[in-house]
């Protein structure tokens, strides 16, 4: 897992060309004109999933992880809490769904606060529980970039 500000994105270009492309997209994106639908950046290798939603209580969310894609979750506006833990510390509750590239877990982990202009990168062994309220529920605008590995 990586947690940082978009201002420091260049540090992570060494992770590969796809990561550089994804971070450049986020740094140069006009979020005001971004549709709330899948945006292909490099076909199925890199794509964006813009999302506007109301944050929720911890008990309304589930731990998840992915095998085919790395998540870069960028907060365009608003703030949310987000759980993170290595999936080895959790109990799998749902079998891996290859078509949706997701599996779900139950257990305990740690939390961070993701604010506007910040991002977190989740690799395949990083379980995460996104979209959680901080104190009160609020609307957030987040862009999840999926980077095929």
C-alpha atoms as a PDB file:
ATOM      1  CA  UNK A   1       0.000   0.000   0.000  1.00  0.00           C
ATOM      2  CA  UNK A   2       1.093   3.552  -0.762  1.00  0.00           C
ATOM      3  CA  UNK A   3      -0.515   6.683   0.705  1.00  0.00           C
ATOM      4  CA  UNK A   4       0.583  10.102  -0.562  1.00  0.00           C
ATOM      5  CA  UNK A   5      -0.373  13.418  -2.164  1.00  0.00           C
ATOM      6  CA  UNK A   6      -0.772  13.730  -5.928  1.00  0.00           C
ATOM      7  CA  UNK A   7       1.988  16.381  -5.780  1.00  0.00           C
ATOM      8  CA  UNK A   8       4.440  13.537  -5.101  1.00  0.00           C
ATOM      9  CA  UNK A   9       3.184  11.188  -7.828  1.00  0.00           C
ATOM     10  CA  UNK A  10       6.460  11.286  -9.789  1.00  0.00           C
ATOM     11  CA  UNK A  11       8.123   9.336  -6.984  1.00  0.00           C
ATOM     12  CA  UNK A  12       6.082   6.300  -8.041  1.00  0.00           C
ATOM     13  CA  UNK A  13       6.724   6.415 -11.796  1.00  0.00           C
ATOM     14  CA  UNK A  14       9.393   3.780 -11.214  1.00  0.00           C
ATOM     15  CA  UNK A  15       6.606   1.254 -10.589  1.00  0.00           C
ATOM     16  CA  UNK A  16       6.188   1.100 -14.358  1.00  0.00           C
ATOM     17  CA  UNK A  17       4.867   2.844 -17.432  1.00  0.00           C
ATOM     18  CA  UNK A  18       1.244   2.068 -16.591  1.00  0.00           C
ATOM     19  CA  UNK A  19       1.562   3.745 -13.209  1.00  0.00           C
ATOM     20  CA  UNK A  20       3.175   6.795 -14.780  1.00  0.00           C
ATOM     21  CA  UNK A  21       0.309   6.989 -17.300  1.00  0.00           C
ATOM     22  CA  UNK A  22      -2.279   6.662 -14.527  1.00  0.00           C
ATOM     23  CA  UNK A  23      -0.707   9.348 -12.353  1.00  0.00           C
ATOM     24  CA  UNK A  24      -0.284  11.710 -15.309  1.00  0.00           C
ATOM     25  CA  UNK A  25      -3.974  11.236 -16.067  1.00  0.00           C
ATOM     26  CA  UNK A  26      -4.901  12.208 -12.509  1.00  0.00           C
ATOM     27  CA  UNK A  27      -2.555  15.190 -12.462  1.00  0.00           C
ATOM     28  CA  UNK A  28      -3.974  16.580 -15.726  1.00  0.00           C
ATOM     29  CA  UNK A  29      -7.627  15.572 -15.419  1.00  0.00           C
ATOM     30  CA  UNK A  30     -10.443  18.141 -15.605  1.00  0.00           C
ATOM     31  CA  UNK A  31     -12.582  16.622 -12.861  1.00  0.00           C
ATOM     32  CA  UNK A  32     -15.425  19.084 -13.521  1.00  0.00           C
ATOM     33  CA  UNK A  33     -16.056  17.553 -16.947  1.00  0.00           C
ATOM     34  CA  UNK A  34     -15.350  13.931 -16.024  1.00  0.00           C
ATOM     35  CA  UNK A  35     -18.394  11.679 -16.633  1.00  0.00           C
ATOM     36  CA  UNK A  36     -19.461   9.312 -13.860  1.00  0.00           C
ATOM     37  CA  UNK A  37     -18.790   6.264 -16.011  1.00  0.00           C
ATOM     38  CA  UNK A  38     -15.836   4.123 -16.984  1.00  0.00           C
ATOM     39  CA  UNK A  39     -13.161   6.105 -18.827  1.00  0.00           C
ATOM     40  CA  UNK A  40     -10.624   4.105 -20.818  1.00  0.00           C
ATOM     41  CA  UNK A  41      -7.110   5.494 -20.553  1.00  0.00           C
ATOM     42  CA  UNK A  42      -5.289   2.550 -22.160  1.00  0.00           C
ATOM     43  CA  UNK A  43      -8.057   0.090 -22.984  1.00  0.00           C
ATOM     44  CA  UNK A  44      -8.437  -2.577 -20.314  1.00  0.00           C
ATOM     45  CA  UNK A  45      -4.864  -2.004 -19.101  1.00  0.00           C
ATOM     46  CA  UNK A  46      -5.679   1.312 -17.411  1.00  0.00           C
ATOM     47  CA  UNK A  47      -9.104   2.815 -16.865  1.00  0.00           C
ATOM     48  CA  UNK A  48     -10.789   5.268 -14.512  1.00  0.00           C
ATOM     49  CA  UNK A  49     -13.960   4.747 -12.498  1.00  0.00           C
ATOM     50  CA  UNK A  50     -15.159   8.197 -11.320  1.00  0.00           C
ATOM     51  CA  UNK A  51     -17.530   7.965  -8.355  1.00  0.00           C
ATOM     52  CA  UNK A  52     -19.683  10.373  -6.378  1.00  0.00           C
ATOM     53  CA  UNK A  53     -21.293   8.909  -3.288  1.00  0.00           C
ATOM     54  CA  UNK A  54     -22.185   9.488   0.343  1.00  0.00           C
ATOM     55  CA  UNK A  55     -19.748   7.946   2.813  1.00  0.00           C
ATOM     56  CA  UNK A  56     -21.129   5.208   5.044  1.00  0.00           C
ATOM     57  CA  UNK A  57     -20.788   3.609   8.444  1.00  0.00           C
ATOM     58  CA  UNK A  58     -18.059   1.016   8.931  1.00  0.00           C
ATOM     59  CA  UNK A  59     -20.591  -1.798   9.378  1.00  0.00           C
ATOM     60  CA  UNK A  60     -22.098  -1.016   5.952  1.00  0.00           C
ATOM     61  CA  UNK A  61     -18.839  -1.797   4.102  1.00  0.00           C
ATOM     62  CA  UNK A  62     -16.818  -4.936   3.432  1.00  0.00           C
ATOM     63  CA  UNK A  63     -13.132  -5.680   3.107  1.00  0.00           C
ATOM     64  CA  UNK A  64     -12.170  -6.384  -0.505  1.00  0.00           C
ATOM     65  CA  UNK A  65      -9.117  -7.111  -2.638  1.00  0.00           C
ATOM     66  CA  UNK A  66      -8.336  -7.649  -6.311  1.00  0.00           C
ATOM     67  CA  UNK A  67      -6.005  -9.953  -8.237  1.00  0.00           C
ATOM     68  CA  UNK A  68      -5.857  -8.573 -11.793  1.00  0.00           C
ATOM     69  CA  UNK A  69      -5.682  -4.859 -11.060  1.00  0.00           C
ATOM     70  CA  UNK A  70      -3.994  -2.465  -8.685  1.00  0.00           C
ATOM     71  CA  UNK A  71      -6.284   0.289  -7.381  1.00  0.00           C
ATOM     72  CA  UNK A  72      -5.139   3.892  -7.325  1.00  0.00           C
ATOM     73  CA  UNK A  73      -7.875   5.634  -5.342  1.00  0.00           C
ATOM     74  CA  UNK A  74      -7.664   9.418  -5.702  1.00  0.00           C
ATOM     75  CA  UNK A  75      -9.863  11.788  -3.691  1.00  0.00           C
ATOM     76  CA  UNK A  76     -10.890  14.667  -5.973  1.00  0.00           C
ATOM     77  CA  UNK A  77     -13.079  16.322  -3.306  1.00  0.00           C
ATOM     78  CA  UNK A  78     -14.300  15.479   0.160  1.00  0.00           C
ATOM     79  CA  UNK A  79     -12.770  13.167   2.751  1.00  0.00           C
ATOM     80  CA  UNK A  80     -13.323   9.598   3.839  1.00  0.00           C
ATOM     81  CA  UNK A  81     -11.870   7.000   6.125  1.00  0.00           C
ATOM     82  CA  UNK A  82     -10.527   3.903   4.476  1.00  0.00           C
ATOM     83  CA  UNK A  83      -9.577   0.590   6.007  1.00  0.00           C
ATOM     84  CA  UNK A  84      -6.432  -1.273   5.007  1.00  0.00           C
ATOM     85  CA  UNK A  85      -4.808  -4.543   6.063  1.00  0.00           C
ATOM     86  CA  UNK A  86      -2.958  -7.419   4.432  1.00  0.00           C
ATOM     87  CA  UNK A  87      -5.583  -9.919   3.341  1.00  0.00           C
ATOM     88  CA  UNK A  88      -3.715 -12.702   5.210  1.00  0.00           C
ATOM     89  CA  UNK A  89      -5.041 -11.205   8.464  1.00  0.00           C
ATOM     90  CA  UNK A  90      -8.681 -11.546   7.350  1.00  0.00           C
ATOM     91  CA  UNK A  91     -11.136 -14.391   6.873  1.00  0.00           C
ATOM     92  CA  UNK A  92     -12.409 -14.819   3.326  1.00  0.00           C
ATOM     93  CA  UNK A  93     -16.217 -14.595   3.203  1.00  0.00           C
ATOM     94  CA  UNK A  94     -16.830 -14.799  -0.570  1.00  0.00           C
ATOM     95  CA  UNK A  95     -14.891 -16.762  -3.163  1.00  0.00           C
ATOM     96  CA  UNK A  96     -12.900 -14.780  -5.701  1.00  0.00           C
ATOM     97  CA  UNK A  97     -15.126 -13.538  -8.550  1.00  0.00           C
ATOM     98  CA  UNK A  98     -12.918 -13.586 -11.646  1.00  0.00           C
ATOM     99  CA  UNK A  99     -15.386 -11.620 -13.796  1.00  0.00           C
ATOM    100  CA  UNK A 100     -15.547  -8.758 -11.279  1.00  0.00           C
ATOM    101  CA  UNK A 101     -11.945  -9.204 -10.018  1.00  0.00           C
ATOM    102  CA  UNK A 102     -12.968  -9.048  -6.372  1.00  0.00           C
ATOM    103  CA  UNK A 103     -13.064 -11.158  -3.243  1.00  0.00           C
ATOM    104  CA  UNK A 104     -14.479 -10.191   0.139  1.00  0.00           C
ATOM    105  CA  UNK A 105     -13.312 -10.674   3.709  1.00  0.00           C
ATOM    106  CA  UNK A 106     -14.228 -10.192   7.335  1.00  0.00           C
ATOM    107  CA  UNK A 107     -11.961  -9.073  10.152  1.00  0.00           C
ATOM    108  CA  UNK A 108     -10.138  -6.086  11.579  1.00  0.00           C
ATOM    109  CA  UNK A 109      -7.638  -3.653  10.106  1.00  0.00           C
ATOM    110  CA  UNK A 110      -6.252  -0.148  10.376  1.00  0.00           C
ATOM    111  CA  UNK A 111      -7.669   3.087   8.968  1.00  0.00           C
ATOM    112  CA  UNK A 112      -6.436   6.211   7.248  1.00  0.00           C
ATOM    113  CA  UNK A 113      -8.160   9.447   6.279  1.00  0.00           C
ATOM    114  CA  UNK A 114      -8.089  10.214   2.557  1.00  0.00           C
ATOM    115  CA  UNK A 115      -8.533  13.927   1.777  1.00  0.00           C
ATOM    116  CA  UNK A 116      -8.802  15.930  -1.426  1.00  0.00           C
ATOM    117  CA  UNK A 117      -5.611  15.747  -3.489  1.00  0.00           C
ATOM    118  CA  UNK A 118      -4.440  12.527  -1.826  1.00  0.00           C
ATOM    119  CA  UNK A 119      -4.303   8.986  -3.175  1.00  0.00           C
ATOM    120  CA  UNK A 120      -3.807   5.475  -1.926  1.00  0.00           C
ATOM    121  CA  UNK A 121      -2.519   2.529  -3.965  1.00  0.00           C
ATOM    122  CA  UNK A 122      -3.732  -0.961  -3.108  1.00  0.00           C
ATOM    123  CA  UNK A 123      -1.828  -3.963  -4.469  1.00  0.00           C
ATOM    124  CA  UNK A 124      -3.349  -7.474  -4.731  1.00  0.00           C
ATOM    125  CA  UNK A 125      -2.496  -8.503  -1.150  1.00  0.00           C
ATOM    126  CA  UNK A 126      -3.821  -5.220   0.291  1.00  0.00           C
ATOM    127  CA  UNK A 127      -7.391  -5.654   1.483  1.00  0.00           C
ATOM    128  CA  UNK A 128      -9.237  -2.360   1.762  1.00  0.00           C
ATOM    129  CA  UNK A 129     -12.552  -1.029   2.992  1.00  0.00           C
ATOM    130  CA  UNK A 130     -13.237   2.298   1.233  1.00  0.00           C
ATOM    131  CA  UNK A 131     -15.996   4.880   1.488  1.00  0.00           C
ATOM    132  CA  UNK A 132     -16.284   5.232   5.256  1.00  0.00           C
ATOM    133  CA  UNK A 133     -17.507   8.350   7.031  1.00  0.00           C
ATOM    134  CA  UNK A 134     -15.103  10.303   9.207  1.00  0.00           C
ATOM    135  CA  UNK A 135     -17.509  11.847  11.725  1.00  0.00           C
ATOM    136  CA  UNK A 136     -20.592  12.584   9.657  1.00  0.00           C
ATOM    137  CA  UNK A 137     -21.617  11.155   6.312  1.00  0.00           C
ATOM    138  CA  UNK A 138     -20.652  13.408   3.396  1.00  0.00           C
ATOM    139  CA  UNK A 139     -20.582  13.378  -0.383  1.00  0.00           C
ATOM    140  CA  UNK A 140     -17.200  12.637  -1.908  1.00  0.00           C
ATOM    141  CA  UNK A 141     -15.875  12.601  -5.440  1.00  0.00           C
ATOM    142  CA  UNK A 142     -13.271   9.894  -5.920  1.00  0.00           C
ATOM    143  CA  UNK A 143     -11.597   8.506  -9.023  1.00  0.00           C
ATOM    144  CA  UNK A 144     -10.419   4.904  -8.890  1.00  0.00           C
ATOM    145  CA  UNK A 145      -7.807   4.090 -11.514  1.00  0.00           C
ATOM    146  CA  UNK A 146      -7.502   0.392 -12.302  1.00  0.00           C
ATOM    147  CA  UNK A 147      -3.996  -0.621 -13.439  1.00  0.00           C
ATOM    148  CA  UNK A 148      -3.686  -4.143 -14.867  1.00  0.00           C
ATOM    149  CA  UNK A 149      -0.772  -6.124 -13.482  1.00  0.00           C
END
